[in-house]
Amino acid sequence: MPIAKRFAIAHPIADRISILDEKADATCKELAFFKNSEWVTKYLDEFAGYADGIQHNDTLVYRYVPNYLVNAFLEQWGNE
């Protein structure tokens, strides 16, 4: 099973991002966001178009986010 990487971020809505490689497309990632160790279920404007659209047990993931968008987000909001 793939392991997600987590990074501290300085975003107004989230303080951590979880990044997982998409199995079906190496040019994309799956993202999830957390604040104080809790899932962020409010849509982040930056990735709203990639939201899975289904929230299970108060979770929200963004699927097939292009790597270049993830990299730009980390450049802007990265904290490590």
PDB file of N, CA and C in Angstrom:
ATOM      1  N   MET A   1       0.843  -1.187   0.000  1.00  0.00           N
ATOM      2  CA  MET A   1       0.000   0.000   0.000  1.00  0.00           C
ATOM      3  C   MET A   1       0.884   1.245   0.000  1.00  0.00           C
ATOM      4  N   PRO A   2       0.607   2.212  -0.870  1.00  0.00           N
ATOM      5  CA  PRO A   2       1.406   3.441  -0.924  1.00  0.00           C
ATOM      6  C   PRO A   2       1.301   4.242   0.374  1.00  0.00           C
ATOM      7  N   ILE A   3       2.369   4.921   0.690  1.00  0.00           N
ATOM      8  CA  ILE A   3       2.404   5.739   1.902  1.00  0.00           C
ATOM      9  C   ILE A   3       2.305   7.208   1.513  1.00  0.00           C
ATOM     10  N   ALA A   4       1.398   7.916   2.146  1.00  0.00           N
ATOM     11  CA  ALA A   4       1.235   9.349   1.893  1.00  0.00           C
ATOM     12  C   ALA A   4       2.349  10.115   2.598  1.00  0.00           C
ATOM     13  N   LYS A   5       2.795  11.177   1.957  1.00  0.00           N
ATOM     14  CA  LYS A   5       3.765  12.087   2.562  1.00  0.00           C
ATOM     15  C   LYS A   5       2.988  13.248   3.146  1.00  0.00           C
ATOM     16  N   ARG A   6       3.388  13.688   4.319  1.00  0.00           N
ATOM     17  CA  ARG A   6       2.729  14.826   4.961  1.00  0.00           C
ATOM     18  C   ARG A   6       3.722  15.952   5.161  1.00  0.00           C
ATOM     19  N   PHE A   7       3.237  17.165   4.908  1.00  0.00           N
ATOM     20  CA  PHE A   7       4.080  18.344   5.032  1.00  0.00           C
ATOM     21  C   PHE A   7       3.344  19.417   5.827  1.00  0.00           C
ATOM     22  N   ALA A   8       4.084  20.149   6.640  1.00  0.00           N
ATOM     23  CA  ALA A   8       3.520  21.311   7.322  1.00  0.00           C
ATOM     24  C   ALA A   8       3.333  22.416   6.290  1.00  0.00           C
ATOM     25  N   ILE A   9       2.213  23.131   6.391  1.00  0.00           N
ATOM     26  CA  ILE A   9       1.943  24.261   5.510  1.00  0.00           C
ATOM     27  C   ILE A   9       1.443  25.432   6.348  1.00  0.00           C
ATOM     28  N   ALA A  10       1.492  26.614   5.770  1.00  0.00           N
ATOM     29  CA  ALA A  10       1.058  27.837   6.468  1.00  0.00           C
ATOM     30  C   ALA A  10      -0.152  28.430   5.758  1.00  0.00           C
ATOM     31  N   HIS A  11      -1.104  27.586   5.394  1.00  0.00           N
ATOM     32  CA  HIS A  11      -2.313  28.010   4.693  1.00  0.00           C
ATOM     33  C   HIS A  11      -3.356  28.462   5.720  1.00  0.00           C
ATOM     34  N   PRO A  12      -4.191  29.437   5.400  1.00  0.00           N
ATOM     35  CA  PRO A  12      -5.190  29.903   6.369  1.00  0.00           C
ATOM     36  C   PRO A  12      -6.198  28.830   6.801  1.00  0.00           C
ATOM     37  N   ILE A  13      -6.431  27.828   5.961  1.00  0.00           N
ATOM     38  CA  ILE A  13      -7.437  26.813   6.279  1.00  0.00           C
ATOM     39  C   ILE A  13      -6.827  25.533   6.835  1.00  0.00           C
ATOM     40  N   ALA A  14      -5.573  25.247   6.511  1.00  0.00           N
ATOM     41  CA  ALA A  14      -4.959  23.974   6.895  1.00  0.00           C
ATOM     42  C   ALA A  14      -3.526  24.181   7.363  1.00  0.00           C
ATOM     43  N   ASP A  15      -3.058  23.284   8.250  1.00  0.00           N
ATOM     44  CA  ASP A  15      -1.670  23.357   8.692  1.00  0.00           C
ATOM     45  C   ASP A  15      -0.833  22.162   8.231  1.00  0.00           C
ATOM     46  N   ARG A  16      -1.494  21.165   7.592  1.00  0.00           N
ATOM     47  CA  ARG A  16      -0.778  20.021   7.030  1.00  0.00           C
ATOM     48  C   ARG A  16      -1.449  19.591   5.733  1.00  0.00           C
ATOM     49  N   ILE A  17      -0.616  19.074   4.837  1.00  0.00           N
ATOM     50  CA  ILE A  17      -1.107  18.499   3.584  1.00  0.00           C
ATOM     51  C   ILE A  17      -0.600  17.066   3.505  1.00  0.00           C
ATOM     52  N   SER A  18      -1.446  16.178   3.063  1.00  0.00           N
ATOM     53  CA  SER A  18      -1.083  14.793   2.810  1.00  0.00           C
ATOM     54  C   SER A  18      -1.085  14.600   1.298  1.00  0.00           C
ATOM     55  N   ILE A  19       0.018  14.049   0.778  1.00  0.00           N
ATOM     56  CA  ILE A  19       0.179  13.876  -0.664  1.00  0.00           C
ATOM     57  C   ILE A  19       0.447  12.405  -0.961  1.00  0.00           C
ATOM     58  N   LEU A  20      -0.355  11.859  -1.858  1.00  0.00           N
ATOM     59  CA  LEU A  20      -0.237  10.454  -2.248  1.00  0.00           C
ATOM     60  C   LEU A  20      -0.166  10.373  -3.761  1.00  0.00           C
ATOM     61  N   ASP A  21       0.746   9.559  -4.281  1.00  0.00           N
ATOM     62  CA  ASP A  21       0.824   9.362  -5.732  1.00  0.00           C
ATOM     63  C   ASP A  21      -0.441   8.674  -6.222  1.00  0.00           C
ATOM     64  N   GLU A  22      -0.980   9.148  -7.333  1.00  0.00           N
ATOM     65  CA  GLU A  22      -2.109   8.467  -7.970  1.00  0.00           C
ATOM     66  C   GLU A  22      -1.569   7.244  -8.702  1.00  0.00           C
ATOM     67  N   LYS A  23      -2.131   6.091  -8.427  1.00  0.00           N
ATOM     68  CA  LYS A  23      -1.655   4.856  -9.060  1.00  0.00           C
ATOM     69  C   LYS A  23      -1.838   4.883 -10.576  1.00  0.00           C
ATOM     70  N   ALA A  24      -2.934   5.426 -11.019  1.00  0.00           N
ATOM     71  CA  ALA A  24      -3.278   5.369 -12.448  1.00  0.00           C
ATOM     72  C   ALA A  24      -2.605   6.460 -13.283  1.00  0.00           C
ATOM     73  N   ASP A  25      -2.007   7.472 -12.640  1.00  0.00           N
ATOM     74  CA  ASP A  25      -1.445   8.587 -13.394  1.00  0.00           C
ATOM     75  C   ASP A  25      -0.284   9.211 -12.624  1.00  0.00           C
ATOM     76  N   ALA A  26       0.933   8.958 -13.078  1.00  0.00           N
ATOM     77  CA  ALA A  26       2.127   9.444 -12.380  1.00  0.00           C
ATOM     78  C   ALA A  26       2.267  10.961 -12.423  1.00  0.00           C
ATOM     79  N   THR A  27       1.482  11.633 -13.256  1.00  0.00           N
ATOM     80  CA  THR A  27       1.579  13.093 -13.352  1.00  0.00           C
ATOM     81  C   THR A  27       0.637  13.790 -12.379  1.00  0.00           C
ATOM     82  N   CYS A  28      -0.017  13.015 -11.516  1.00  0.00           N
ATOM     83  CA  CYS A  28      -1.017  13.578 -10.602  1.00  0.00           C
ATOM     84  C   CYS A  28      -0.854  13.035  -9.186  1.00  0.00           C
ATOM     85  N   LYS A  29      -1.429  13.756  -8.243  1.00  0.00           N
ATOM     86  CA  LYS A  29      -1.416  13.370  -6.843  1.00  0.00           C
ATOM     87  C   LYS A  29      -2.827  13.393  -6.268  1.00  0.00           C
ATOM     88  N   GLU A  30      -2.985  12.689  -5.154  1.00  0.00           N
ATOM     89  CA  GLU A  30      -4.199  12.777  -4.343  1.00  0.00           C
ATOM     90  C   GLU A  30      -3.830  13.577  -3.101  1.00  0.00           C
ATOM     91  N   LEU A  31      -4.656  14.548  -2.751  1.00  0.00           N
ATOM     92  CA  LEU A  31      -4.369  15.431  -1.627  1.00  0.00           C
ATOM     93  C   LEU A  31      -5.453  15.361  -0.568  1.00  0.00           C
ATOM     94  N   ALA A  32      -5.034  15.578   0.671  1.00  0.00           N
ATOM     95  CA  ALA A  32      -5.957  15.775   1.783  1.00  0.00           C
ATOM     96  C   ALA A  32      -5.331  16.843   2.679  1.00  0.00           C
ATOM     97  N   PHE A  33      -6.170  17.568   3.390  1.00  0.00           N
ATOM     98  CA  PHE A  33      -5.693  18.661   4.236  1.00  0.00           C
ATOM     99  C   PHE A  33      -6.182  18.480   5.659  1.00  0.00           C
ATOM    100  N   PHE A  34      -5.354  18.968   6.606  1.00  0.00           N
ATOM    101  CA  PHE A  34      -5.653  18.816   8.028  1.00  0.00           C
ATOM    102  C   PHE A  34      -5.373  20.118   8.763  1.00  0.00           C
ATOM    103  N   LYS A  35      -6.115  20.337   9.823  1.00  0.00           N
ATOM    104  CA  LYS A  35      -5.904  21.478  10.726  1.00  0.00           C
ATOM    105  C   LYS A  35      -6.015  20.938  12.138  1.00  0.00           C
ATOM    106  N   ASN A  36      -4.981  21.129  12.940  1.00  0.00           N
ATOM    107  CA  ASN A  36      -4.951  20.613  14.302  1.00  0.00           C
ATOM    108  C   ASN A  36      -5.287  19.116  14.341  1.00  0.00           C
ATOM    109  N   SER A  37      -4.715  18.371  13.400  1.00  0.00           N
ATOM    110  CA  SER A  37      -4.869  16.916  13.274  1.00  0.00           C
ATOM    111  C   SER A  37      -6.273  16.464  12.883  1.00  0.00           C
ATOM    112  N   GLU A  38      -7.135  17.381  12.493  1.00  0.00           N
ATOM    113  CA  GLU A  38      -8.494  17.057  12.045  1.00  0.00           C
ATOM    114  C   GLU A  38      -8.582  17.281  10.539  1.00  0.00           C
ATOM    115  N   TRP A  39      -9.381  16.446   9.859  1.00  0.00           N
ATOM    116  CA  TRP A  39      -9.604  16.621   8.425  1.00  0.00           C
ATOM    117  C   TRP A  39     -10.213  17.994   8.137  1.00  0.00           C
ATOM    118  N   VAL A  40      -9.746  18.644   7.104  1.00  0.00           N
ATOM    119  CA  VAL A  40     -10.371  19.872   6.626  1.00  0.00           C
ATOM    120  C   VAL A  40     -11.407  19.461   5.580  1.00  0.00           C
ATOM    121  N   THR A  41     -12.665  19.776   5.848  1.00  0.00           N
ATOM    122  CA  THR A  41     -13.736  19.398   4.922  1.00  0.00           C
ATOM    123  C   THR A  41     -14.286  20.597   4.162  1.00  0.00           C
ATOM    124  N   LYS A  42     -13.755  21.783   4.453  1.00  0.00           N
ATOM    125  CA  LYS A  42     -14.096  22.967   3.664  1.00  0.00           C
ATOM    126  C   LYS A  42     -13.237  22.927   2.409  1.00  0.00           C
ATOM    127  N   TYR A  43     -13.858  23.178   1.260  1.00  0.00           N
ATOM    128  CA  TYR A  43     -13.118  23.136   0.004  1.00  0.00           C
ATOM    129  C   TYR A  43     -12.053  24.226  -0.049  1.00  0.00           C
ATOM    130  N   LEU A  44     -10.848  23.850  -0.444  1.00  0.00           N
ATOM    131  CA  LEU A  44      -9.803  24.829  -0.713  1.00  0.00           C
ATOM    132  C   LEU A  44      -9.998  25.317  -2.136  1.00  0.00           C
ATOM    133  N   ASP A  45     -10.109  26.614  -2.304  1.00  0.00           N
ATOM    134  CA  ASP A  45     -10.364  27.188  -3.628  1.00  0.00           C
ATOM    135  C   ASP A  45      -9.348  26.714  -4.663  1.00  0.00           C
ATOM    136  N   GLU A  46      -8.102  26.564  -4.243  1.00  0.00           N
ATOM    137  CA  GLU A  46      -7.034  26.187  -5.164  1.00  0.00           C
ATOM    138  C   GLU A  46      -7.298  24.849  -5.855  1.00  0.00           C
ATOM    139  N   PHE A  47      -8.015  23.955  -5.169  1.00  0.00           N
ATOM    140  CA  PHE A  47      -8.208  22.599  -5.679  1.00  0.00           C
ATOM    141  C   PHE A  47      -9.673  22.182  -5.764  1.00  0.00           C
ATOM    142  N   ALA A  48     -10.580  23.109  -5.639  1.00  0.00           N
ATOM    143  CA  ALA A  48     -12.007  22.771  -5.604  1.00  0.00           C
ATOM    144  C   ALA A  48     -12.443  21.941  -6.809  1.00  0.00           C
ATOM    145  N   GLY A  49     -11.889  22.207  -7.966  1.00  0.00           N
ATOM    146  CA  GLY A  49     -12.250  21.463  -9.158  1.00  0.00           C
ATOM    147  C   GLY A  49     -11.793  20.016  -9.151  1.00  0.00           C
ATOM    148  N   TYR A  50     -10.929  19.659  -8.217  1.00  0.00           N
ATOM    149  CA  TYR A  50     -10.412  18.292  -8.116  1.00  0.00           C
ATOM    150  C   TYR A  50     -11.006  17.534  -6.933  1.00  0.00           C
ATOM    151  N   ALA A  51     -11.913  18.158  -6.210  1.00  0.00           N
ATOM    152  CA  ALA A  51     -12.508  17.513  -5.035  1.00  0.00           C
ATOM    153  C   ALA A  51     -13.233  16.251  -5.455  1.00  0.00           C
ATOM    154  N   ASP A  52     -13.053  15.219  -4.654  1.00  0.00           N
ATOM    155  CA  ASP A  52     -13.693  13.942  -4.935  1.00  0.00           C
ATOM    156  C   ASP A  52     -15.206  14.107  -4.977  1.00  0.00           C
ATOM    157  N   GLY A  53     -15.723  15.068  -4.228  1.00  0.00           N
ATOM    158  CA  GLY A  53     -17.155  15.346  -4.247  1.00  0.00           C
ATOM    159  C   GLY A  53     -17.941  14.494  -3.282  1.00  0.00           C
ATOM    160  N   ILE A  54     -17.315  13.480  -2.739  1.00  0.00           N
ATOM    161  CA  ILE A  54     -17.993  12.613  -1.778  1.00  0.00           C
ATOM    162  C   ILE A  54     -17.223  12.685  -0.475  1.00  0.00           C
ATOM    163  N   GLN A  55     -17.914  13.060   0.568  1.00  0.00           N
ATOM    164  CA  GLN A  55     -17.292  13.121   1.879  1.00  0.00           C
ATOM    165  C   GLN A  55     -17.761  11.919   2.687  1.00  0.00           C
ATOM    166  N   HIS A  56     -16.827  11.094   3.106  1.00  0.00           N
ATOM    167  CA  HIS A  56     -17.114   9.924   3.924  1.00  0.00           C
ATOM    168  C   HIS A  56     -16.546  10.162   5.319  1.00  0.00           C
ATOM    169  N   ASN A  57     -17.361  10.004   6.320  1.00  0.00           N
ATOM    170  CA  ASN A  57     -16.879  10.134   7.695  1.00  0.00           C
ATOM    171  C   ASN A  57     -16.119  11.433   7.918  1.00  0.00           C
ATOM    172  N   ASP A  58     -16.664  12.508   7.382  1.00  0.00           N
ATOM    173  CA  ASP A  58     -16.061  13.831   7.561  1.00  0.00           C
ATOM    174  C   ASP A  58     -14.654  13.924   6.990  1.00  0.00           C
ATOM    175  N   THR A  59     -14.460  13.385   5.795  1.00  0.00           N
ATOM    176  CA  THR A  59     -13.185  13.504   5.099  1.00  0.00           C
ATOM    177  C   THR A  59     -13.422  14.129   3.730  1.00  0.00           C
ATOM    178  N   LEU A  60     -12.375  14.677   3.161  1.00  0.00           N
ATOM    179  CA  LEU A  60     -12.448  15.255   1.822  1.00  0.00           C
ATOM    180  C   LEU A  60     -11.091  15.084   1.162  1.00  0.00           C
ATOM    181  N   VAL A  61     -11.066  14.492  -0.020  1.00  0.00           N
ATOM    182  CA  VAL A  61      -9.818  14.341  -0.771  1.00  0.00           C
ATOM    183  C   VAL A  61      -9.967  14.994  -2.133  1.00  0.00           C
ATOM    184  N   TYR A  62      -8.833  15.343  -2.694  1.00  0.00           N
ATOM    185  CA  TYR A  62      -8.758  15.935  -4.025  1.00  0.00           C
ATOM    186  C   TYR A  62      -7.986  14.946  -4.886  1.00  0.00           C
ATOM    187  N   ARG A  63      -8.594  14.498  -5.984  1.00  0.00           N
ATOM    188  CA  ARG A  63      -8.016  13.443  -6.811  1.00  0.00           C
ATOM    189  C   ARG A  63      -7.498  13.999  -8.125  1.00  0.00           C
ATOM    190  N   TYR A  64      -6.458  13.361  -8.613  1.00  0.00           N
ATOM    191  CA  TYR A  64      -5.854  13.670  -9.917  1.00  0.00           C
ATOM    192  C   TYR A  64      -5.465  15.140 -10.055  1.00  0.00           C
ATOM    193  N   VAL A  65      -4.850  15.655  -8.985  1.00  0.00           N
ATOM    194  CA  VAL A  65      -4.333  17.031  -9.019  1.00  0.00           C
ATOM    195  C   VAL A  65      -2.984  17.002  -9.737  1.00  0.00           C
ATOM    196  N   PRO A  66      -2.832  17.770 -10.809  1.00  0.00           N
ATOM    197  CA  PRO A  66      -1.561  17.762 -11.546  1.00  0.00           C
ATOM    198  C   PRO A  66      -0.382  18.157 -10.657  1.00  0.00           C
ATOM    199  N   ASN A  67       0.739  17.482 -10.869  1.00  0.00           N
ATOM    200  CA  ASN A  67       1.939  17.732 -10.066  1.00  0.00           C
ATOM    201  C   ASN A  67       2.355  19.196 -10.073  1.00  0.00           C
ATOM    202  N   TYR A  68       2.223  19.875 -11.201  1.00  0.00           N
ATOM    203  CA  TYR A  68       2.664  21.272 -11.254  1.00  0.00           C
ATOM    204  C   TYR A  68       1.827  22.150 -10.317  1.00  0.00           C
ATOM    205  N   LEU A  69       0.543  21.830 -10.133  1.00  0.00           N
ATOM    206  CA  LEU A  69      -0.289  22.600  -9.190  1.00  0.00           C
ATOM    207  C   LEU A  69       0.109  22.310  -7.745  1.00  0.00           C
ATOM    208  N   VAL A  70       0.425  21.061  -7.458  1.00  0.00           N
ATOM    209  CA  VAL A  70       0.874  20.689  -6.111  1.00  0.00           C
ATOM    210  C   VAL A  70       2.173  21.415  -5.801  1.00  0.00           C
ATOM    211  N   ASN A  71       3.110  21.401  -6.739  1.00  0.00           N
ATOM    212  CA  ASN A  71       4.390  22.077  -6.527  1.00  0.00           C
ATOM    213  C   ASN A  71       4.218  23.582  -6.323  1.00  0.00           C
ATOM    214  N   ALA A  72       3.356  24.211  -7.109  1.00  0.00           N
ATOM    215  CA  ALA A  72       3.108  25.647  -6.953  1.00  0.00           C
ATOM    216  C   ALA A  72       2.480  25.943  -5.598  1.00  0.00           C
ATOM    217  N   PHE A  73       1.563  25.088  -5.160  1.00  0.00           N
ATOM    218  CA  PHE A  73       0.928  25.270  -3.852  1.00  0.00           C
ATOM    219  C   PHE A  73       1.971  25.172  -2.748  1.00  0.00           C
ATOM    220  N   LEU A  74       2.856  24.164  -2.823  1.00  0.00           N
ATOM    221  CA  LEU A  74       3.876  24.003  -1.796  1.00  0.00           C
ATOM    222  C   LEU A  74       4.884  25.153  -1.794  1.00  0.00           C
ATOM    223  N   GLU A  75       5.174  25.691  -2.957  1.00  0.00           N
ATOM    224  CA  GLU A  75       6.066  26.855  -3.020  1.00  0.00           C
ATOM    225  C   GLU A  75       5.439  28.058  -2.314  1.00  0.00           C
ATOM    226  N   GLN A  76       4.131  28.221  -2.477  1.00  0.00           N
ATOM    227  CA  GLN A  76       3.459  29.358  -1.873  1.00  0.00           C
ATOM    228  C   GLN A  76       3.197  29.157  -0.384  1.00  0.00           C
ATOM    229  N   TRP A  77       2.764  27.964   0.017  1.00  0.00           N
ATOM    230  CA  TRP A  77       2.287  27.732   1.367  1.00  0.00           C
ATOM    231  C   TRP A  77       3.156  26.809   2.200  1.00  0.00           C
ATOM    232  N   GLY A  78       4.191  26.228   1.598  1.00  0.00           N
ATOM    233  CA  GLY A  78       5.045  25.287   2.328  1.00  0.00           C
ATOM    234  C   GLY A  78       5.661  25.925   3.559  1.00  0.00           C
ATOM    235  N   ASN A  79       5.867  25.094   4.571  1.00  0.00           N
ATOM    236  CA  ASN A  79       6.329  25.603   5.844  1.00  0.00           C
ATOM    237  C   ASN A  79       7.566  24.865   6.331  1.00  0.00           C
ATOM    238  N   GLU A  80       8.054  23.938   5.552  1.00  0.00           N
ATOM    239  CA  GLU A  80       9.217  23.147   6.003  1.00  0.00           C
ATOM    240  C   GLU A  80      10.426  23.437   5.161  1.00  0.00           C
TER     241      GLU A  80
END
